[in-house]
Amino acid sequence: MANAELIAKINERLADEFEVDIERMQPDAPMMQTLELDSLDLVDMVVLVEQDFGLVLKAQDFVGIQTFQDFYDFIDARLNGANE
């Protein structure tokens, strides 16, 4: 499970990038709907993750991510060496 510092960093960046109130980003909230993401926004998300966390991702990596908690756990796992 992702730690509080990582979650705070992710939430701050997403709120800034996608102009969404950080209070709406609850762990069980649906990420795509909350951030109002479309397929082009996923490209922005890939770039954001690469810039902020040094992880190289593809838009396809987001296929199984439903909630913010899924995203936190995915980033945490990748930062800790898991290849999905």
PDB file of N, CA and C in Angstrom:
ATOM      1  N   MET A   1       0.847  -1.181   0.000  1.00  0.00           N
ATOM      2  CA  MET A   1       0.000   0.000   0.000  1.00  0.00           C
ATOM      3  C   MET A   1       0.891   1.243   0.000  1.00  0.00           C
ATOM      4  N   ALA A   2       0.516   2.205  -0.777  1.00  0.00           N
ATOM      5  CA  ALA A   2       1.285   3.433  -0.916  1.00  0.00           C
ATOM      6  C   ALA A   2       1.275   4.232   0.389  1.00  0.00           C
ATOM      7  N   ASN A   3       2.406   4.905   0.669  1.00  0.00           N
ATOM      8  CA  ASN A   3       2.495   5.692   1.899  1.00  0.00           C
ATOM      9  C   ASN A   3       1.868   7.076   1.729  1.00  0.00           C
ATOM     10  N   ALA A   4       1.635   7.732   2.853  1.00  0.00           N
ATOM     11  CA  ALA A   4       0.933   9.022   2.857  1.00  0.00           C
ATOM     12  C   ALA A   4       1.687  10.098   2.083  1.00  0.00           C
ATOM     13  N   GLU A   5       3.007  10.092   2.158  1.00  0.00           N
ATOM     14  CA  GLU A   5       3.799  11.098   1.442  1.00  0.00           C
ATOM     15  C   GLU A   5       3.638  10.949  -0.069  1.00  0.00           C
ATOM     16  N   LEU A   6       3.679   9.713  -0.553  1.00  0.00           N
ATOM     17  CA  LEU A   6       3.500   9.459  -1.979  1.00  0.00           C
ATOM     18  C   LEU A   6       2.091   9.863  -2.422  1.00  0.00           C
ATOM     19  N   ILE A   7       1.101   9.505  -1.646  1.00  0.00           N
ATOM     20  CA  ILE A   7      -0.282   9.848  -1.976  1.00  0.00           C
ATOM     21  C   ILE A   7      -0.458  11.362  -2.042  1.00  0.00           C
ATOM     22  N   ALA A   8       0.109  12.072  -1.083  1.00  0.00           N
ATOM     23  CA  ALA A   8      -0.001  13.537  -1.075  1.00  0.00           C
ATOM     24  C   ALA A   8       0.648  14.140  -2.312  1.00  0.00           C
ATOM     25  N   LYS A   9       1.816  13.629  -2.693  1.00  0.00           N
ATOM     26  CA  LYS A   9       2.506  14.146  -3.880  1.00  0.00           C
ATOM     27  C   LYS A   9       1.682  13.885  -5.144  1.00  0.00           C
ATOM     28  N   ILE A  10       1.165  12.677  -5.266  1.00  0.00           N
ATOM     29  CA  ILE A  10       0.339  12.335  -6.428  1.00  0.00           C
ATOM     30  C   ILE A  10      -0.892  13.244  -6.483  1.00  0.00           C
ATOM     31  N   ASN A  11      -1.579  13.377  -5.367  1.00  0.00           N
ATOM     32  CA  ASN A  11      -2.796  14.193  -5.345  1.00  0.00           C
ATOM     33  C   ASN A  11      -2.518  15.645  -5.696  1.00  0.00           C
ATOM     34  N   GLU A  12      -1.445  16.203  -5.157  1.00  0.00           N
ATOM     35  CA  GLU A  12      -1.106  17.597  -5.455  1.00  0.00           C
ATOM     36  C   GLU A  12      -0.844  17.796  -6.942  1.00  0.00           C
ATOM     37  N   ARG A  13      -0.093  16.887  -7.536  1.00  0.00           N
ATOM     38  CA  ARG A  13       0.231  17.002  -8.964  1.00  0.00           C
ATOM     39  C   ARG A  13      -1.004  16.816  -9.834  1.00  0.00           C
ATOM     40  N   LEU A  14      -1.834  15.841  -9.502  1.00  0.00           N
ATOM     41  CA  LEU A  14      -3.042  15.611 -10.293  1.00  0.00           C
ATOM     42  C   LEU A  14      -4.006  16.787 -10.172  1.00  0.00           C
ATOM     43  N   ALA A  15      -4.164  17.309  -8.968  1.00  0.00           N
ATOM     44  CA  ALA A  15      -5.056  18.456  -8.762  1.00  0.00           C
ATOM     45  C   ALA A  15      -4.587  19.650  -9.577  1.00  0.00           C
ATOM     46  N   ASP A  16      -3.286  19.871  -9.588  1.00  0.00           N
ATOM     47  CA  ASP A  16      -2.716  20.986 -10.343  1.00  0.00           C
ATOM     48  C   ASP A  16      -2.857  20.767 -11.848  1.00  0.00           C
ATOM     49  N   GLU A  17      -2.483  19.596 -12.302  1.00  0.00           N
ATOM     50  CA  GLU A  17      -2.480  19.294 -13.741  1.00  0.00           C
ATOM     51  C   GLU A  17      -3.882  19.279 -14.338  1.00  0.00           C
ATOM     52  N   PHE A  18      -4.830  18.684 -13.626  1.00  0.00           N
ATOM     53  CA  PHE A  18      -6.167  18.494 -14.185  1.00  0.00           C
ATOM     54  C   PHE A  18      -7.216  19.425 -13.571  1.00  0.00           C
ATOM     55  N   GLU A  19      -6.756  20.385 -12.765  1.00  0.00           N
ATOM     56  CA  GLU A  19      -7.617  21.429 -12.197  1.00  0.00           C
ATOM     57  C   GLU A  19      -8.847  20.851 -11.495  1.00  0.00           C
ATOM     58  N   VAL A  20      -8.574  19.956 -10.559  1.00  0.00           N
ATOM     59  CA  VAL A  20      -9.626  19.298  -9.788  1.00  0.00           C
ATOM     60  C   VAL A  20      -9.360  19.553  -8.305  1.00  0.00           C
ATOM     61  N   ASP A  21     -10.418  19.761  -7.546  1.00  0.00           N
ATOM     62  CA  ASP A  21     -10.299  19.956  -6.103  1.00  0.00           C
ATOM     63  C   ASP A  21      -9.714  18.696  -5.472  1.00  0.00           C
ATOM     64  N   ILE A  22      -8.644  18.871  -4.730  1.00  0.00           N
ATOM     65  CA  ILE A  22      -7.947  17.733  -4.126  1.00  0.00           C
ATOM     66  C   ILE A  22      -8.857  16.939  -3.183  1.00  0.00           C
ATOM     67  N   GLU A  23      -9.852  17.583  -2.615  1.00  0.00           N
ATOM     68  CA  GLU A  23     -10.794  16.907  -1.710  1.00  0.00           C
ATOM     69  C   GLU A  23     -11.624  15.840  -2.432  1.00  0.00           C
ATOM     70  N   ARG A  24     -11.747  15.946  -3.730  1.00  0.00           N
ATOM     71  CA  ARG A  24     -12.516  14.955  -4.506  1.00  0.00           C
ATOM     72  C   ARG A  24     -11.726  13.672  -4.732  1.00  0.00           C
ATOM     73  N   MET A  25     -10.434  13.700  -4.487  1.00  0.00           N
ATOM     74  CA  MET A  25      -9.564  12.560  -4.761  1.00  0.00           C
ATOM     75  C   MET A  25      -9.501  11.620  -3.564  1.00  0.00           C
ATOM     76  N   GLN A  26     -10.565  10.915  -3.339  1.00  0.00           N
ATOM     77  CA  GLN A  26     -10.639   9.931  -2.266  1.00  0.00           C
ATOM     78  C   GLN A  26     -10.139   8.588  -2.796  1.00  0.00           C
ATOM     79  N   PRO A  27      -9.514   7.771  -1.944  1.00  0.00           N
ATOM     80  CA  PRO A  27      -8.945   6.501  -2.420  1.00  0.00           C
ATOM     81  C   PRO A  27      -9.908   5.628  -3.218  1.00  0.00           C
ATOM     82  N   ASP A  28     -11.177   5.600  -2.822  1.00  0.00           N
ATOM     83  CA  ASP A  28     -12.131   4.730  -3.513  1.00  0.00           C
ATOM     84  C   ASP A  28     -12.892   5.430  -4.638  1.00  0.00           C
ATOM     85  N   ALA A  29     -12.576   6.693  -4.900  1.00  0.00           N
ATOM     86  CA  ALA A  29     -13.248   7.436  -5.977  1.00  0.00           C
ATOM     87  C   ALA A  29     -12.745   6.967  -7.340  1.00  0.00           C
ATOM     88  N   PRO A  30     -13.615   6.925  -8.337  1.00  0.00           N
ATOM     89  CA  PRO A  30     -13.192   6.539  -9.689  1.00  0.00           C
ATOM     90  C   PRO A  30     -12.293   7.627 -10.293  1.00  0.00           C
ATOM     91  N   MET A  31     -11.063   7.262 -10.609  1.00  0.00           N
ATOM     92  CA  MET A  31     -10.074   8.243 -11.039  1.00  0.00           C
ATOM     93  C   MET A  31     -10.418   8.911 -12.364  1.00  0.00           C
ATOM     94  N   MET A  32     -10.764   8.140 -13.366  1.00  0.00           N
ATOM     95  CA  MET A  32     -11.033   8.707 -14.691  1.00  0.00           C
ATOM     96  C   MET A  32     -12.193   9.699 -14.651  1.00  0.00           C
ATOM     97  N   GLN A  33     -13.262   9.349 -13.944  1.00  0.00           N
ATOM     98  CA  GLN A  33     -14.424  10.229 -13.871  1.00  0.00           C
ATOM     99  C   GLN A  33     -14.138  11.465 -13.017  1.00  0.00           C
ATOM    100  N   THR A  34     -13.470  11.285 -11.897  1.00  0.00           N
ATOM    101  CA  THR A  34     -13.180  12.404 -11.003  1.00  0.00           C
ATOM    102  C   THR A  34     -12.299  13.440 -11.683  1.00  0.00           C
ATOM    103  N   LEU A  35     -11.286  12.964 -12.412  1.00  0.00           N
ATOM    104  CA  LEU A  35     -10.376  13.878 -13.108  1.00  0.00           C
ATOM    105  C   LEU A  35     -10.899  14.283 -14.481  1.00  0.00           C
ATOM    106  N   GLU A  36     -12.015  13.666 -14.896  1.00  0.00           N
ATOM    107  CA  GLU A  36     -12.613  13.922 -16.210  1.00  0.00           C
ATOM    108  C   GLU A  36     -11.592  13.697 -17.328  1.00  0.00           C
ATOM    109  N   LEU A  37     -10.935  12.534 -17.269  1.00  0.00           N
ATOM    110  CA  LEU A  37      -9.893  12.199 -18.235  1.00  0.00           C
ATOM    111  C   LEU A  37     -10.468  11.581 -19.494  1.00  0.00           C
ATOM    112  N   ASP A  38      -9.884  11.950 -20.619  1.00  0.00           N
ATOM    113  CA  ASP A  38     -10.167  11.262 -21.874  1.00  0.00           C
ATOM    114  C   ASP A  38      -8.856  10.624 -22.333  1.00  0.00           C
ATOM    115  N   SER A  39      -8.871  10.000 -23.492  1.00  0.00           N
ATOM    116  CA  SER A  39      -7.680   9.282 -23.945  1.00  0.00           C
ATOM    117  C   SER A  39      -6.481  10.205 -24.145  1.00  0.00           C
ATOM    118  N   LEU A  40      -6.705  11.437 -24.552  1.00  0.00           N
ATOM    119  CA  LEU A  40      -5.597  12.379 -24.718  1.00  0.00           C
ATOM    120  C   LEU A  40      -5.008  12.785 -23.371  1.00  0.00           C
ATOM    121  N   ASP A  41      -5.853  12.853 -22.354  1.00  0.00           N
ATOM    122  CA  ASP A  41      -5.361  13.183 -21.020  1.00  0.00           C
ATOM    123  C   ASP A  41      -4.450  12.092 -20.474  1.00  0.00           C
ATOM    124  N   LEU A  42      -4.647  10.857 -20.920  1.00  0.00           N
ATOM    125  CA  LEU A  42      -3.766   9.780 -20.471  1.00  0.00           C
ATOM    126  C   LEU A  42      -2.329  10.028 -20.911  1.00  0.00           C
ATOM    127  N   VAL A  43      -2.160  10.640 -22.068  1.00  0.00           N
ATOM    128  CA  VAL A  43      -0.814  10.996 -22.525  1.00  0.00           C
ATOM    129  C   VAL A  43      -0.201  11.992 -21.542  1.00  0.00           C
ATOM    130  N   ASP A  44      -0.982  12.980 -21.124  1.00  0.00           N
ATOM    131  CA  ASP A  44      -0.505  13.938 -20.124  1.00  0.00           C
ATOM    132  C   ASP A  44      -0.154  13.232 -18.818  1.00  0.00           C
ATOM    133  N   MET A  45      -0.950  12.254 -18.450  1.00  0.00           N
ATOM    134  CA  MET A  45      -0.706  11.505 -17.224  1.00  0.00           C
ATOM    135  C   MET A  45       0.607  10.726 -17.315  1.00  0.00           C
ATOM    136  N   VAL A  46       0.865  10.114 -18.464  1.00  0.00           N
ATOM    137  CA  VAL A  46       2.114   9.381 -18.680  1.00  0.00           C
ATOM    138  C   VAL A  46       3.303  10.324 -18.529  1.00  0.00           C
ATOM    139  N   VAL A  47       3.220  11.500 -19.134  1.00  0.00           N
ATOM    140  CA  VAL A  47       4.301  12.489 -19.053  1.00  0.00           C
ATOM    141  C   VAL A  47       4.482  12.955 -17.610  1.00  0.00           C
ATOM    142  N   LEU A  48       3.392  13.217 -16.924  1.00  0.00           N
ATOM    143  CA  LEU A  48       3.452  13.657 -15.534  1.00  0.00           C
ATOM    144  C   LEU A  48       4.163  12.626 -14.664  1.00  0.00           C
ATOM    145  N   VAL A  49       3.807  11.363 -14.815  1.00  0.00           N
ATOM    146  CA  VAL A  49       4.421  10.295 -14.019  1.00  0.00           C
ATOM    147  C   VAL A  49       5.908  10.181 -14.346  1.00  0.00           C
ATOM    148  N   GLU A  50       6.255  10.297 -15.618  1.00  0.00           N
ATOM    149  CA  GLU A  50       7.660  10.220 -16.004  1.00  0.00           C
ATOM    150  C   GLU A  50       8.453  11.378 -15.401  1.00  0.00           C
ATOM    151  N   GLN A  51       7.922  12.587 -15.492  1.00  0.00           N
ATOM    152  CA  GLN A  51       8.621  13.762 -14.965  1.00  0.00           C
ATOM    153  C   GLN A  51       8.745  13.725 -13.446  1.00  0.00           C
ATOM    154  N   ASP A  52       7.682  13.380 -12.769  1.00  0.00           N
ATOM    155  CA  ASP A  52       7.668  13.454 -11.306  1.00  0.00           C
ATOM    156  C   ASP A  52       8.273  12.244 -10.606  1.00  0.00           C
ATOM    157  N   PHE A  53       8.167  11.085 -11.230  1.00  0.00           N
ATOM    158  CA  PHE A  53       8.593   9.866 -10.552  1.00  0.00           C
ATOM    159  C   PHE A  53       9.675   9.087 -11.301  1.00  0.00           C
ATOM    160  N   GLY A  54      10.021   9.532 -12.507  1.00  0.00           N
ATOM    161  CA  GLY A  54      11.055   8.858 -13.278  1.00  0.00           C
ATOM    162  C   GLY A  54      10.637   7.503 -13.817  1.00  0.00           C
ATOM    163  N   LEU A  55       9.346   7.267 -13.908  1.00  0.00           N
ATOM    164  CA  LEU A  55       8.835   5.993 -14.416  1.00  0.00           C
ATOM    165  C   LEU A  55       8.398   6.158 -15.861  1.00  0.00           C
ATOM    166  N   VAL A  56       8.798   5.229 -16.698  1.00  0.00           N
ATOM    167  CA  VAL A  56       8.378   5.251 -18.094  1.00  0.00           C
ATOM    168  C   VAL A  56       7.170   4.329 -18.220  1.00  0.00           C
ATOM    169  N   LEU A  57       6.050   4.923 -18.594  1.00  0.00           N
ATOM    170  CA  LEU A  57       4.798   4.178 -18.724  1.00  0.00           C
ATOM    171  C   LEU A  57       4.221   4.353 -20.114  1.00  0.00           C
ATOM    172  N   LYS A  58       3.247   3.510 -20.407  1.00  0.00           N
ATOM    173  CA  LYS A  58       2.452   3.641 -21.630  1.00  0.00           C
ATOM    174  C   LYS A  58       1.003   3.843 -21.194  1.00  0.00           C
ATOM    175  N   ALA A  59       0.216   4.412 -22.065  1.00  0.00           N
ATOM    176  CA  ALA A  59      -1.201   4.619 -21.741  1.00  0.00           C
ATOM    177  C   ALA A  59      -1.865   3.290 -21.374  1.00  0.00           C
ATOM    178  N   GLN A  60      -1.413   2.189 -21.984  1.00  0.00           N
ATOM    179  CA  GLN A  60      -1.994   0.871 -21.705  1.00  0.00           C
ATOM    180  C   GLN A  60      -1.797   0.449 -20.251  1.00  0.00           C
ATOM    181  N   ASP A  61      -0.782   1.013 -19.579  1.00  0.00           N
ATOM    182  CA  ASP A  61      -0.546   0.666 -18.178  1.00  0.00           C
ATOM    183  C   ASP A  61      -1.700   1.090 -17.280  1.00  0.00           C
ATOM    184  N   PHE A  62      -2.541   1.998 -17.766  1.00  0.00           N
ATOM    185  CA  PHE A  62      -3.642   2.517 -16.965  1.00  0.00           C
ATOM    186  C   PHE A  62      -4.927   1.706 -17.122  1.00  0.00           C
ATOM    187  N   VAL A  63      -4.906   0.679 -17.946  1.00  0.00           N
ATOM    188  CA  VAL A  63      -6.114  -0.087 -18.249  1.00  0.00           C
ATOM    189  C   VAL A  63      -6.779  -0.650 -16.991  1.00  0.00           C
ATOM    190  N   GLY A  64      -6.042  -1.218 -16.082  1.00  0.00           N
ATOM    191  CA  GLY A  64      -6.631  -1.834 -14.895  1.00  0.00           C
ATOM    192  C   GLY A  64      -6.877  -0.886 -13.743  1.00  0.00           C
ATOM    193  N   ILE A  65      -6.534   0.371 -13.911  1.00  0.00           N
ATOM    194  CA  ILE A  65      -6.670   1.335 -12.824  1.00  0.00           C
ATOM    195  C   ILE A  65      -8.078   1.925 -12.835  1.00  0.00           C
ATOM    196  N   GLN A  66      -8.801   1.683 -11.758  1.00  0.00           N
ATOM    197  CA  GLN A  66     -10.167   2.189 -11.631  1.00  0.00           C
ATOM    198  C   GLN A  66     -10.242   3.349 -10.636  1.00  0.00           C
ATOM    199  N   THR A  67      -9.640   3.162  -9.476  1.00  0.00           N
ATOM    200  CA  THR A  67      -9.749   4.145  -8.394  1.00  0.00           C
ATOM    201  C   THR A  67      -8.413   4.837  -8.152  1.00  0.00           C
ATOM    202  N   PHE A  68      -8.456   5.891  -7.345  1.00  0.00           N
ATOM    203  CA  PHE A  68      -7.211   6.549  -6.966  1.00  0.00           C
ATOM    204  C   PHE A  68      -6.308   5.579  -6.212  1.00  0.00           C
ATOM    205  N   GLN A  69      -6.890   4.727  -5.354  1.00  0.00           N
ATOM    206  CA  GLN A  69      -6.078   3.758  -4.617  1.00  0.00           C
ATOM    207  C   GLN A  69      -5.365   2.812  -5.568  1.00  0.00           C
ATOM    208  N   ASP A  70      -6.029   2.388  -6.630  1.00  0.00           N
ATOM    209  CA  ASP A  70      -5.370   1.555  -7.642  1.00  0.00           C
ATOM    210  C   ASP A  70      -4.154   2.275  -8.209  1.00  0.00           C
ATOM    211  N   PHE A  71      -4.311   3.568  -8.494  1.00  0.00           N
ATOM    212  CA  PHE A  71      -3.223   4.360  -9.064  1.00  0.00           C
ATOM    213  C   PHE A  71      -2.088   4.526  -8.061  1.00  0.00           C
ATOM    214  N   TYR A  72      -2.418   4.839  -6.807  1.00  0.00           N
ATOM    215  CA  TYR A  72      -1.383   4.971  -5.780  1.00  0.00           C
ATOM    216  C   TYR A  72      -0.591   3.673  -5.664  1.00  0.00           C
ATOM    217  N   ASP A  73      -1.296   2.558  -5.591  1.00  0.00           N
ATOM    218  CA  ASP A  73      -0.643   1.260  -5.433  1.00  0.00           C
ATOM    219  C   ASP A  73       0.196   0.911  -6.658  1.00  0.00           C
ATOM    220  N   PHE A  74      -0.299   1.240  -7.840  1.00  0.00           N
ATOM    221  CA  PHE A  74       0.436   0.980  -9.076  1.00  0.00           C
ATOM    222  C   PHE A  74       1.750   1.757  -9.088  1.00  0.00           C
ATOM    223  N   ILE A  75       1.695   3.055  -8.778  1.00  0.00           N
ATOM    224  CA  ILE A  75       2.905   3.879  -8.766  1.00  0.00           C
ATOM    225  C   ILE A  75       3.864   3.382  -7.691  1.00  0.00           C
ATOM    226  N   ASP A  76       3.348   3.076  -6.516  1.00  0.00           N
ATOM    227  CA  ASP A  76       4.180   2.566  -5.428  1.00  0.00           C
ATOM    228  C   ASP A  76       4.881   1.271  -5.835  1.00  0.00           C
ATOM    229  N   ALA A  77       4.148   0.365  -6.446  1.00  0.00           N
ATOM    230  CA  ALA A  77       4.737  -0.905  -6.880  1.00  0.00           C
ATOM    231  C   ALA A  77       5.825  -0.682  -7.923  1.00  0.00           C
ATOM    232  N   ARG A  78       5.571   0.189  -8.879  1.00  0.00           N
ATOM    233  CA  ARG A  78       6.572   0.471  -9.913  1.00  0.00           C
ATOM    234  C   ARG A  78       7.814   1.134  -9.321  1.00  0.00           C
ATOM    235  N   LEU A  79       7.620   2.029  -8.370  1.00  0.00           N
ATOM    236  CA  LEU A  79       8.761   2.678  -7.711  1.00  0.00           C
ATOM    237  C   LEU A  79       9.596   1.680  -6.925  1.00  0.00           C
ATOM    238  N   ASN A  80       8.950   0.609  -6.483  1.00  0.00           N
ATOM    239  CA  ASN A  80       9.642  -0.421  -5.713  1.00  0.00           C
ATOM    240  C   ASN A  80      10.074  -1.606  -6.563  1.00  0.00           C
ATOM    241  N   GLY A  81      10.100  -1.409  -7.878  1.00  0.00           N
ATOM    242  CA  GLY A  81      10.679  -2.398  -8.773  1.00  0.00           C
ATOM    243  C   GLY A  81       9.748  -3.399  -9.402  1.00  0.00           C
ATOM    244  N   ALA A  82       8.466  -3.324  -9.142  1.00  0.00           N
ATOM    245  CA  ALA A  82       7.531  -4.266  -9.758  1.00  0.00           C
ATOM    246  C   ALA A  82       7.289  -3.868 -11.208  1.00  0.00           C
ATOM    247  N   ASN A  83       7.340  -4.831 -12.098  1.00  0.00           N
ATOM    248  CA  ASN A  83       7.025  -4.594 -13.515  1.00  0.00           C
ATOM    249  C   ASN A  83       5.682  -5.211 -13.807  1.00  0.00           C
ATOM    250  N   GLU A  84       4.748  -4.377 -14.224  1.00  0.00           N
ATOM    251  CA  GLU A  84       3.407  -4.889 -14.520  1.00  0.00           C
ATOM    252  C   GLU A  84       3.147  -4.824 -15.985  1.00  0.00           C
TER     253      GLU A  84
END
